[in-house]
């Protein structure tokens, strides 16, 4: 099941269908099932989802707004490449938003919150070395769980959009980074989240997320430099 952020606004059935298709295609892009430069064909996707081409065009427009695809006249819709020079700006904004999350995280935490993140940590540890798709799926599930802690819908959506821009780069570089180092770093992050939940510390949780985004950035930039 594709993880999705909590939605509060009521949607019509067609809107729900478009949202579901959008989430699925974005998921495929961000797990590199559709790698950069993949040509996405309206007619094929319309046939796959049993819809007309209009909803697919709407989905492409949403993905283009997020920078995940580029619509080129005469060519079609292409999955974008990740531009390393833009990563620093994206990470800077992600860190600011993470710090801002604290006041919007409601306590006491909902029943099952701690168990969800403990399970995420266990799933990271259980991954087989080199399982890039498994890593992407677990990481997305974990991240969406974090975002669902924030009551501010705008903040959630901004952070989510930026995350999906950077997550693809991790997958492309994952094989050039020592696997054990990556898993240990992510597991340490999950452990810190659980500790903040245990002491009902939403402000500290926001700063913990911010610090781990910074550390993720440093590992990514190191891999880019060495590559």
Protein backbone atom coordinates (compact mmCIF):
# COMPACT_ATOMS: atom_id res chain seq x y z
CA UNK A 1 0.00 0.00 0.00
CA UNK A 2 1.36 3.41 -0.96
CA UNK A 3 1.76 5.69 2.07
CA UNK A 4 -0.07 9.00 1.82
CA UNK A 5 -0.23 12.03 4.06
CA UNK A 6 -3.42 12.48 6.04
CA UNK A 7 -5.93 14.54 4.10
CA UNK A 8 -8.57 16.62 5.83
CA UNK A 9 -10.44 18.14 2.89
CA UNK A 10 -13.31 16.20 1.38
CA UNK A 11 -12.77 15.16 -2.23
CA UNK A 12 -15.09 14.09 -4.98
CA UNK A 13 -14.67 10.60 -6.45
CA UNK A 14 -12.84 11.94 -9.57
CA UNK A 15 -10.52 14.00 -7.37
CA UNK A 16 -9.79 10.96 -5.22
CA UNK A 17 -9.00 8.95 -8.34
CA UNK A 18 -6.60 11.61 -9.64
CA UNK A 19 -4.93 11.82 -6.20
CA UNK A 20 -4.48 8.03 -6.10
CA UNK A 21 -2.92 7.94 -9.58
CA UNK A 22 -0.68 10.88 -8.73
CA UNK A 23 0.55 9.19 -5.54
CA UNK A 24 1.25 5.94 -7.39
CA UNK A 25 3.22 7.57 -10.21
CA UNK A 26 5.12 9.79 -7.80
CA UNK A 27 5.92 6.67 -5.79
CA UNK A 28 7.28 4.95 -8.88
CA UNK A 29 9.44 7.98 -9.70
CA UNK A 30 10.79 8.29 -6.17
CA UNK A 31 11.66 4.61 -5.90
CA UNK A 32 13.40 4.84 -9.30
CA UNK A 33 10.99 2.43 -10.92
CA UNK A 34 10.74 5.34 -13.35
CA UNK A 35 14.37 6.56 -13.42
CA UNK A 36 15.44 9.95 -14.80
CA UNK A 37 14.73 10.46 -18.54
CA UNK A 38 11.93 7.87 -18.55
CA UNK A 39 9.25 8.88 -21.04
CA UNK A 40 5.80 8.64 -19.43
CA UNK A 41 3.13 7.93 -22.02
CA UNK A 42 -0.38 9.29 -21.49
CA UNK A 43 -2.11 6.56 -23.44
CA UNK A 44 -0.35 3.71 -21.62
CA UNK A 45 -1.08 5.13 -18.18
CA UNK A 46 -4.67 5.95 -19.10
CA UNK A 47 -5.12 2.34 -20.19
CA UNK A 48 -3.44 1.02 -17.03
CA UNK A 49 -5.72 3.03 -14.74
CA UNK A 50 -8.84 2.72 -16.91
CA UNK A 51 -9.31 6.48 -17.22
CA UNK A 52 -9.31 8.99 -20.04
CA UNK A 53 -6.14 10.89 -20.85
CA UNK A 54 -7.43 14.05 -19.10
CA UNK A 55 -6.79 12.77 -15.53
CA UNK A 56 -3.31 11.64 -16.60
CA UNK A 57 -2.57 15.12 -17.95
CA UNK A 58 -3.72 16.55 -14.62
CA UNK A 59 -1.36 14.18 -12.78
CA UNK A 60 1.52 15.15 -15.08
CA UNK A 61 0.84 18.81 -14.31
CA UNK A 62 0.97 18.10 -10.56
CA UNK A 63 4.24 16.19 -10.94
CA UNK A 64 5.72 18.96 -13.09
CA UNK A 65 4.85 21.49 -10.37
CA UNK A 66 6.93 19.39 -7.95
CA UNK A 67 9.84 19.21 -10.37
CA UNK A 68 9.57 15.45 -10.83
CA UNK A 69 8.71 15.54 -14.53
CA UNK A 70 9.16 17.96 -17.40
CA UNK A 71 6.54 18.30 -20.13
CA UNK A 72 8.28 18.91 -23.45
CA UNK A 73 6.18 19.77 -26.46
CA UNK A 74 6.84 17.43 -29.33
CA UNK A 75 8.53 14.89 -27.06
CA UNK A 76 6.24 14.14 -24.13
CA UNK A 77 6.55 13.92 -20.37
CA UNK A 78 10.01 13.01 -19.10
CA UNK A 79 11.08 12.13 -15.57
CA UNK A 80 13.55 14.85 -14.61
CA UNK A 81 17.18 14.46 -13.78
CA UNK A 82 18.28 15.51 -10.30
CA UNK A 83 20.42 18.63 -10.43
CA UNK A 84 23.08 18.42 -7.67
CA UNK A 85 23.53 22.20 -7.58
CA UNK A 86 19.93 22.61 -6.42
CA UNK A 87 20.22 20.12 -3.56
CA UNK A 88 21.79 22.57 -1.10
CA UNK A 89 18.84 24.94 -1.44
CA UNK A 90 16.31 22.14 -1.05
CA UNK A 91 18.05 20.76 2.04
CA UNK A 92 18.28 24.23 3.60
CA UNK A 93 14.52 24.69 3.32
CA UNK A 94 13.86 21.15 4.60
CA UNK A 95 15.89 21.90 7.74
CA UNK A 96 13.99 25.14 8.39
CA UNK A 97 10.66 23.33 7.99
CA UNK A 98 11.78 20.52 10.30
CA UNK A 99 12.61 23.00 13.06
CA UNK A 100 9.21 24.59 12.54
CA UNK A 101 7.41 21.26 12.98
CA UNK A 102 7.77 21.10 16.75
CA UNK A 103 4.94 23.48 17.74
CA UNK A 104 2.59 21.71 15.33
CA UNK A 105 3.20 18.21 16.71
CA UNK A 106 0.31 17.38 19.01
CA UNK A 107 0.83 15.53 22.27
CA UNK A 108 0.10 13.14 23.79
CA UNK A 109 1.11 11.05 20.81
CA UNK A 110 -1.58 8.83 19.35
CA UNK A 111 -1.69 5.20 20.40
CA UNK A 112 0.58 3.12 18.23
CA UNK A 113 2.89 6.00 17.26
CA UNK A 114 5.90 4.64 19.13
CA UNK A 115 5.32 1.13 17.82
CA UNK A 116 5.14 2.39 14.24
CA UNK A 117 8.59 3.97 14.41
CA UNK A 118 10.11 1.02 16.25
CA UNK A 119 8.82 -1.16 13.44
CA UNK A 120 10.36 1.20 10.84
CA UNK A 121 13.73 0.83 12.56
CA UNK A 122 13.41 -2.94 12.49
CA UNK A 123 12.48 -2.88 8.81
CA UNK A 124 15.61 -0.86 7.96
CA UNK A 125 17.80 -3.37 9.81
CA UNK A 126 16.10 -6.29 8.08
CA UNK A 127 16.89 -5.04 4.57
CA UNK A 128 19.25 -7.14 2.51
CA UNK A 129 22.42 -5.39 1.42
CA UNK A 130 21.87 -3.56 -1.85
CA UNK A 131 18.05 -3.68 -1.67
CA UNK A 132 17.58 -0.18 -3.05
CA UNK A 133 13.87 -0.54 -3.73
CA UNK A 134 13.26 -1.93 -0.24
CA UNK A 135 15.23 0.97 1.23
CA UNK A 136 13.19 3.49 -0.78
CA UNK A 137 9.88 1.95 0.27
CA UNK A 138 10.82 1.79 3.95
CA UNK A 139 12.23 5.31 3.88
CA UNK A 140 9.09 6.75 2.28
CA UNK A 141 6.86 4.94 4.78
CA UNK A 142 8.99 6.24 7.66
CA UNK A 143 9.06 9.80 6.33
CA UNK A 144 5.31 9.94 5.73
CA UNK A 145 4.81 8.69 9.29
CA UNK A 146 6.92 11.59 10.55
CA UNK A 147 4.96 14.12 8.52
CA UNK A 148 1.66 12.76 9.79
CA UNK A 149 2.69 13.87 13.28
CA UNK A 150 2.37 17.53 12.25
CA UNK A 151 -1.07 19.12 12.42
CA UNK A 152 -0.18 21.87 9.91
CA UNK A 153 -1.26 20.65 6.46
CA UNK A 154 0.73 23.28 4.53
CA UNK A 155 3.95 22.46 6.38
CA UNK A 156 3.41 18.74 5.78
CA UNK A 157 2.86 19.18 2.07
CA UNK A 158 5.86 21.49 1.59
CA UNK A 159 8.17 19.14 3.44
CA UNK A 160 6.77 16.16 1.55
CA UNK A 161 7.32 17.77 -1.85
CA UNK A 162 10.92 18.62 -1.00
CA UNK A 163 11.60 15.16 0.38
CA UNK A 164 10.47 13.50 -2.82
CA UNK A 165 12.80 15.74 -4.80
CA UNK A 166 15.84 14.60 -2.80
CA UNK A 167 14.97 10.97 -2.09
CA UNK A 168 15.69 9.88 -5.68
CA UNK A 169 19.27 11.13 -5.43
CA UNK A 170 19.84 8.89 -2.43
CA UNK A 171 18.84 5.85 -4.44
CA UNK A 172 21.15 6.74 -7.31
CA UNK A 173 24.09 7.06 -4.93
CA UNK A 174 23.19 4.32 -2.47
CA UNK A 175 25.36 1.71 -4.15
CA UNK A 176 28.43 3.98 -3.84
CA UNK A 177 27.96 4.46 -0.06
CA UNK A 178 28.85 1.69 2.43
CA UNK A 179 25.52 -0.07 3.03
CA UNK A 180 26.09 -0.72 6.72
CA UNK A 181 26.95 2.94 7.35
CA UNK A 182 23.73 4.07 5.70
CA UNK A 183 21.53 1.61 7.58
CA UNK A 184 23.18 2.39 10.93
CA UNK A 185 22.74 6.13 10.38
CA UNK A 186 19.06 5.78 9.50
CA UNK A 187 18.45 3.41 12.41
CA UNK A 188 20.10 5.90 14.80
CA UNK A 189 17.70 8.54 13.49
CA UNK A 190 14.69 6.33 14.14
CA UNK A 191 15.97 5.57 17.66
CA UNK A 192 16.21 9.31 18.38
CA UNK A 193 12.66 9.83 17.16
CA UNK A 194 11.44 7.07 19.48
CA UNK A 195 13.30 8.63 22.44
CA UNK A 196 11.62 11.99 21.79
CA UNK A 197 8.25 10.29 21.60
CA UNK A 198 8.93 8.50 24.89
CA UNK A 199 9.44 11.80 26.73
CA UNK A 200 6.62 13.62 24.89
CA UNK A 201 9.05 16.21 23.48
CA UNK A 202 7.63 17.60 20.20
CA UNK A 203 10.06 20.53 20.05
CA UNK A 204 13.02 18.21 20.53
CA UNK A 205 11.55 15.89 17.91
CA UNK A 206 11.48 18.71 15.36
CA UNK A 207 15.13 19.53 16.07
CA UNK A 208 16.07 15.85 15.90
CA UNK A 209 14.51 15.60 12.43
CA UNK A 210 16.35 18.77 11.42
CA UNK A 211 19.70 17.39 12.61
CA UNK A 212 19.23 14.14 10.76
CA UNK A 213 18.32 15.98 7.55
CA UNK A 214 21.62 17.85 7.94
CA UNK A 215 23.54 14.60 8.46
CA UNK A 216 21.80 13.06 5.44
CA UNK A 217 22.82 16.07 3.39
CA UNK A 218 26.44 15.71 4.45
CA UNK A 219 26.55 12.03 3.50
CA UNK A 220 24.93 12.75 0.16
CA UNK A 221 27.28 15.61 -0.71
CA UNK A 222 30.28 13.53 0.32
CA UNK A 223 29.17 10.76 -2.02
CA UNK A 224 28.65 13.26 -4.84
CA UNK A 225 32.09 14.76 -4.29
CA UNK A 226 33.82 11.39 -4.16
CA UNK A 227 31.90 10.17 -7.19
